[in-house]
Amino acid sequence: MTQLYHSRLQYRGSNLLSDLKVNYMGQFQNFCRMSAEDFELLLNKIGPKISKQDTVFRPSIPTQERLAITLRFLATGDSYTSLMYLFKISKQLISRIVPEVCVALIEALQEMIQVRIKYIHYFNIIVIYI
């Protein structure tokens, strides 16, 4: 495990989100591109779908971090590598988190948005049309 991931225990994405929520200058909204109230609403809708169990080997990534990673990716287009340094989570895991959370968002919000989804089995690719 690299030093980057060891320091995750000291300061992780959950700490960053908490710090941004406490600040009243709109930094949370700038970071996630939505208000803290909307973030909590989304988290309550999809939290059970995206939560994972802790294992003997490692603790799971909290649901609020999973949602924040995905929102940051969708809002800014940051690379997985950039998100890796920001949230101190491997880019391999981020590449699994983002599609999982996107599917949960679509399922939870499908009555509010119109989306056509085409799933290509051969390449395991999800194509979303808005």
C-alpha atoms as a PDB file:
ATOM      1  CA  MET A   1       0.000   0.000   0.000  1.00  0.00           C
ATOM      2  CA  THR A   2       1.444   3.360  -0.977  1.00  0.00           C
ATOM      3  CA  GLN A   3       1.897   6.281   1.398  1.00  0.00           C
ATOM      4  CA  LEU A   4      -0.979   8.109  -0.320  1.00  0.00           C
ATOM      5  CA  TYR A   5      -3.465   5.488   0.855  1.00  0.00           C
ATOM      6  CA  HIS A   6      -1.972   5.257   4.353  1.00  0.00           C
ATOM      7  CA  SER A   7      -2.725   8.942   4.923  1.00  0.00           C
ATOM      8  CA  ARG A   8      -6.341   8.246   3.943  1.00  0.00           C
ATOM      9  CA  LEU A   9      -7.003   7.236   7.535  1.00  0.00           C
ATOM     10  CA  GLN A  10      -5.932  10.695   8.729  1.00  0.00           C
ATOM     11  CA  TYR A  11      -7.802  12.822   6.198  1.00  0.00           C
ATOM     12  CA  ARG A  12     -10.258  11.255   3.804  1.00  0.00           C
ATOM     13  CA  GLY A  13     -13.013  12.357   1.456  1.00  0.00           C
ATOM     14  CA  SER A  14     -15.582  12.347   4.264  1.00  0.00           C
ATOM     15  CA  ASN A  15     -13.476  14.905   6.136  1.00  0.00           C
ATOM     16  CA  LEU A  16     -13.289  17.054   3.025  1.00  0.00           C
ATOM     17  CA  LEU A  17     -17.074  16.961   2.565  1.00  0.00           C
ATOM     18  CA  SER A  18     -17.656  17.803   6.231  1.00  0.00           C
ATOM     19  CA  ASP A  19     -15.260  20.748   6.032  1.00  0.00           C
ATOM     20  CA  LEU A  20     -16.968  22.040   2.899  1.00  0.00           C
ATOM     21  CA  LYS A  21     -20.437  21.751   4.499  1.00  0.00           C
ATOM     22  CA  VAL A  22     -19.331  23.762   7.544  1.00  0.00           C
ATOM     23  CA  ASN A  23     -18.020  26.564   5.358  1.00  0.00           C
ATOM     24  CA  TYR A  24     -20.838  28.947   4.462  1.00  0.00           C
ATOM     25  CA  MET A  25     -19.188  30.530   1.432  1.00  0.00           C
ATOM     26  CA  GLY A  26     -20.769  28.101  -1.017  1.00  0.00           C
ATOM     27  CA  GLN A  27     -17.682  25.916  -1.305  1.00  0.00           C
ATOM     28  CA  PHE A  28     -19.660  22.680  -0.976  1.00  0.00           C
ATOM     29  CA  GLN A  29     -21.940  23.760  -3.802  1.00  0.00           C
ATOM     30  CA  ASN A  30     -18.928  24.717  -5.902  1.00  0.00           C
ATOM     31  CA  PHE A  31     -17.263  21.362  -5.228  1.00  0.00           C
ATOM     32  CA  CYS A  32     -20.276  19.071  -5.779  1.00  0.00           C
ATOM     33  CA  ARG A  33     -22.235  21.401  -8.085  1.00  0.00           C
ATOM     34  CA  MET A  34     -25.287  21.097  -5.815  1.00  0.00           C
ATOM     35  CA  SER A  35     -26.398  22.275  -2.395  1.00  0.00           C
ATOM     36  CA  ALA A  36     -25.706  20.216   0.707  1.00  0.00           C
ATOM     37  CA  GLU A  37     -29.475  19.667   1.066  1.00  0.00           C
ATOM     38  CA  ASP A  38     -29.764  18.245  -2.464  1.00  0.00           C
ATOM     39  CA  PHE A  39     -26.701  16.085  -1.820  1.00  0.00           C
ATOM     40  CA  GLU A  40     -28.342  14.646   1.310  1.00  0.00           C
ATOM     41  CA  LEU A  41     -31.594  14.054  -0.600  1.00  0.00           C
ATOM     42  CA  LEU A  42     -29.730  12.085  -3.290  1.00  0.00           C
ATOM     43  CA  LEU A  43     -27.749  10.232  -0.652  1.00  0.00           C
ATOM     44  CA  ASN A  44     -30.956   9.168   1.104  1.00  0.00           C
ATOM     45  CA  LYS A  45     -32.436   7.956  -2.201  1.00  0.00           C
ATOM     46  CA  ILE A  46     -29.463   5.899  -3.387  1.00  0.00           C
ATOM     47  CA  GLY A  47     -27.527   5.227  -0.174  1.00  0.00           C
ATOM     48  CA  PRO A  48     -28.797   1.673   0.351  1.00  0.00           C
ATOM     49  CA  LYS A  49     -28.083   0.788  -3.300  1.00  0.00           C
ATOM     50  CA  ILE A  50     -24.466   1.981  -3.262  1.00  0.00           C
ATOM     51  CA  SER A  51     -23.410   1.055   0.276  1.00  0.00           C
ATOM     52  CA  LYS A  52     -20.922  -1.762   0.763  1.00  0.00           C
ATOM     53  CA  GLN A  53     -20.071  -3.910   3.765  1.00  0.00           C
ATOM     54  CA  ASP A  54     -16.791  -3.595   5.638  1.00  0.00           C
ATOM     55  CA  THR A  55     -14.583  -6.647   5.331  1.00  0.00           C
ATOM     56  CA  VAL A  56     -11.921  -8.193   7.515  1.00  0.00           C
ATOM     57  CA  PHE A  57      -9.314  -6.836   5.095  1.00  0.00           C
ATOM     58  CA  ARG A  58     -10.435  -3.203   4.814  1.00  0.00           C
ATOM     59  CA  PRO A  59     -13.252  -0.803   5.616  1.00  0.00           C
ATOM     60  CA  SER A  60     -15.631   0.079   2.798  1.00  0.00           C
ATOM     61  CA  ILE A  61     -15.765   3.462   1.095  1.00  0.00           C
ATOM     62  CA  PRO A  62     -18.605   5.458   2.736  1.00  0.00           C
ATOM     63  CA  THR A  63     -21.675   6.167   0.624  1.00  0.00           C
ATOM     64  CA  GLN A  64     -21.209   9.941   0.796  1.00  0.00           C
ATOM     65  CA  GLU A  65     -17.727   9.576  -0.674  1.00  0.00           C
ATOM     66  CA  ARG A  66     -19.032   7.300  -3.430  1.00  0.00           C
ATOM     67  CA  LEU A  67     -21.653   9.891  -4.370  1.00  0.00           C
ATOM     68  CA  ALA A  68     -19.184  12.798  -4.117  1.00  0.00           C
ATOM     69  CA  ILE A  69     -16.658  11.029  -6.359  1.00  0.00           C
ATOM     70  CA  THR A  70     -19.324  10.424  -8.991  1.00  0.00           C
ATOM     71  CA  LEU A  71     -20.740  13.947  -8.839  1.00  0.00           C
ATOM     72  CA  ARG A  72     -17.262  15.436  -9.072  1.00  0.00           C
ATOM     73  CA  PHE A  73     -16.496  13.237 -12.090  1.00  0.00           C
ATOM     74  CA  LEU A  74     -19.766  14.113 -13.839  1.00  0.00           C
ATOM     75  CA  ALA A  75     -19.564  17.835 -13.056  1.00  0.00           C
ATOM     76  CA  THR A  76     -15.920  18.483 -13.885  1.00  0.00           C
ATOM     77  CA  GLY A  77     -14.796  15.641 -16.122  1.00  0.00           C
ATOM     78  CA  ASP A  78     -11.764  15.115 -13.885  1.00  0.00           C
ATOM     79  CA  SER A  79      -9.783  12.018 -14.726  1.00  0.00           C
ATOM     80  CA  TYR A  80      -9.844   9.021 -12.426  1.00  0.00           C
ATOM     81  CA  THR A  81      -6.203   9.767 -11.641  1.00  0.00           C
ATOM     82  CA  SER A  82      -7.059  13.292 -10.528  1.00  0.00           C
ATOM     83  CA  LEU A  83      -9.893  11.961  -8.374  1.00  0.00           C
ATOM     84  CA  MET A  84      -7.510   9.372  -6.951  1.00  0.00           C
ATOM     85  CA  TYR A  85      -5.288  12.118  -5.522  1.00  0.00           C
ATOM     86  CA  LEU A  86      -8.244  14.160  -4.293  1.00  0.00           C
ATOM     87  CA  PHE A  87     -10.106  11.352  -2.492  1.00  0.00           C
ATOM     88  CA  LYS A  88      -7.150   9.035  -1.778  1.00  0.00           C
ATOM     89  CA  ILE A  89      -8.861   6.066  -3.411  1.00  0.00           C
ATOM     90  CA  SER A  90      -7.273   3.980  -6.165  1.00  0.00           C
ATOM     91  CA  LYS A  91      -8.305   4.803  -9.713  1.00  0.00           C
ATOM     92  CA  GLN A  92      -9.216   1.152 -10.235  1.00  0.00           C
ATOM     93  CA  LEU A  93     -11.799   1.391  -7.463  1.00  0.00           C
ATOM     94  CA  ILE A  94     -13.024   4.767  -8.738  1.00  0.00           C
ATOM     95  CA  SER A  95     -13.558   3.168 -12.145  1.00  0.00           C
ATOM     96  CA  ARG A  96     -15.952   0.733 -10.459  1.00  0.00           C
ATOM     97  CA  ILE A  97     -17.649   3.277  -8.186  1.00  0.00           C
ATOM     98  CA  VAL A  98     -18.649   5.793 -10.882  1.00  0.00           C
ATOM     99  CA  PRO A  99     -20.702   3.403 -13.076  1.00  0.00           C
ATOM    100  CA  GLU A 100     -22.349   1.790 -10.025  1.00  0.00           C
ATOM    101  CA  VAL A 101     -23.462   5.150  -8.651  1.00  0.00           C
ATOM    102  CA  CYS A 102     -24.614   6.360 -12.089  1.00  0.00           C
ATOM    103  CA  VAL A 103     -26.858   3.316 -12.467  1.00  0.00           C
ATOM    104  CA  ALA A 104     -28.250   3.886  -8.943  1.00  0.00           C
ATOM    105  CA  LEU A 105     -28.916   7.552  -9.757  1.00  0.00           C
ATOM    106  CA  ILE A 106     -30.751   6.655 -12.950  1.00  0.00           C
ATOM    107  CA  GLU A 107     -32.863   4.028 -11.172  1.00  0.00           C
ATOM    108  CA  ALA A 108     -33.723   6.374  -8.299  1.00  0.00           C
ATOM    109  CA  LEU A 109     -34.498   9.383 -10.479  1.00  0.00           C
ATOM    110  CA  GLN A 110     -36.042   7.680 -13.511  1.00  0.00           C
ATOM    111  CA  GLU A 111     -39.489   9.136 -12.879  1.00  0.00           C
ATOM    112  CA  MET A 112     -37.981  12.644 -12.753  1.00  0.00           C
ATOM    113  CA  ILE A 113     -35.807  12.411 -15.878  1.00  0.00           C
ATOM    114  CA  GLN A 114     -36.216  10.888 -19.298  1.00  0.00           C
ATOM    115  CA  VAL A 115     -33.304   8.647 -20.166  1.00  0.00           C
ATOM    116  CA  ARG A 116     -32.910   5.893 -22.722  1.00  0.00           C
ATOM    117  CA  ILE A 117     -30.347   3.303 -21.708  1.00  0.00           C
ATOM    118  CA  LYS A 118     -28.739   0.894 -24.111  1.00  0.00           C
ATOM    119  CA  TYR A 119     -26.600  -1.829 -22.608  1.00  0.00           C
ATOM    120  CA  ILE A 120     -24.120  -3.475 -24.928  1.00  0.00           C
ATOM    121  CA  HIS A 121     -23.415  -6.928 -23.482  1.00  0.00           C
ATOM    122  CA  TYR A 122     -20.416  -7.725 -25.610  1.00  0.00           C
ATOM    123  CA  PHE A 123     -18.282  -4.886 -24.258  1.00  0.00           C
ATOM    124  CA  ASN A 124     -20.123  -4.383 -20.918  1.00  0.00           C
ATOM    125  CA  ILE A 125     -20.736  -0.753 -21.823  1.00  0.00           C
ATOM    126  CA  ILE A 126     -23.676   1.348 -20.704  1.00  0.00           C
ATOM    127  CA  VAL A 127     -24.673   4.051 -23.185  1.00  0.00           C
ATOM    128  CA  ILE A 128     -26.968   6.755 -21.796  1.00  0.00           C
ATOM    129  CA  TYR A 129     -29.041   8.989 -24.072  1.00  0.00           C
ATOM    130  CA  ILE A 130     -30.582  12.122 -22.604  1.00  0.00           C
END
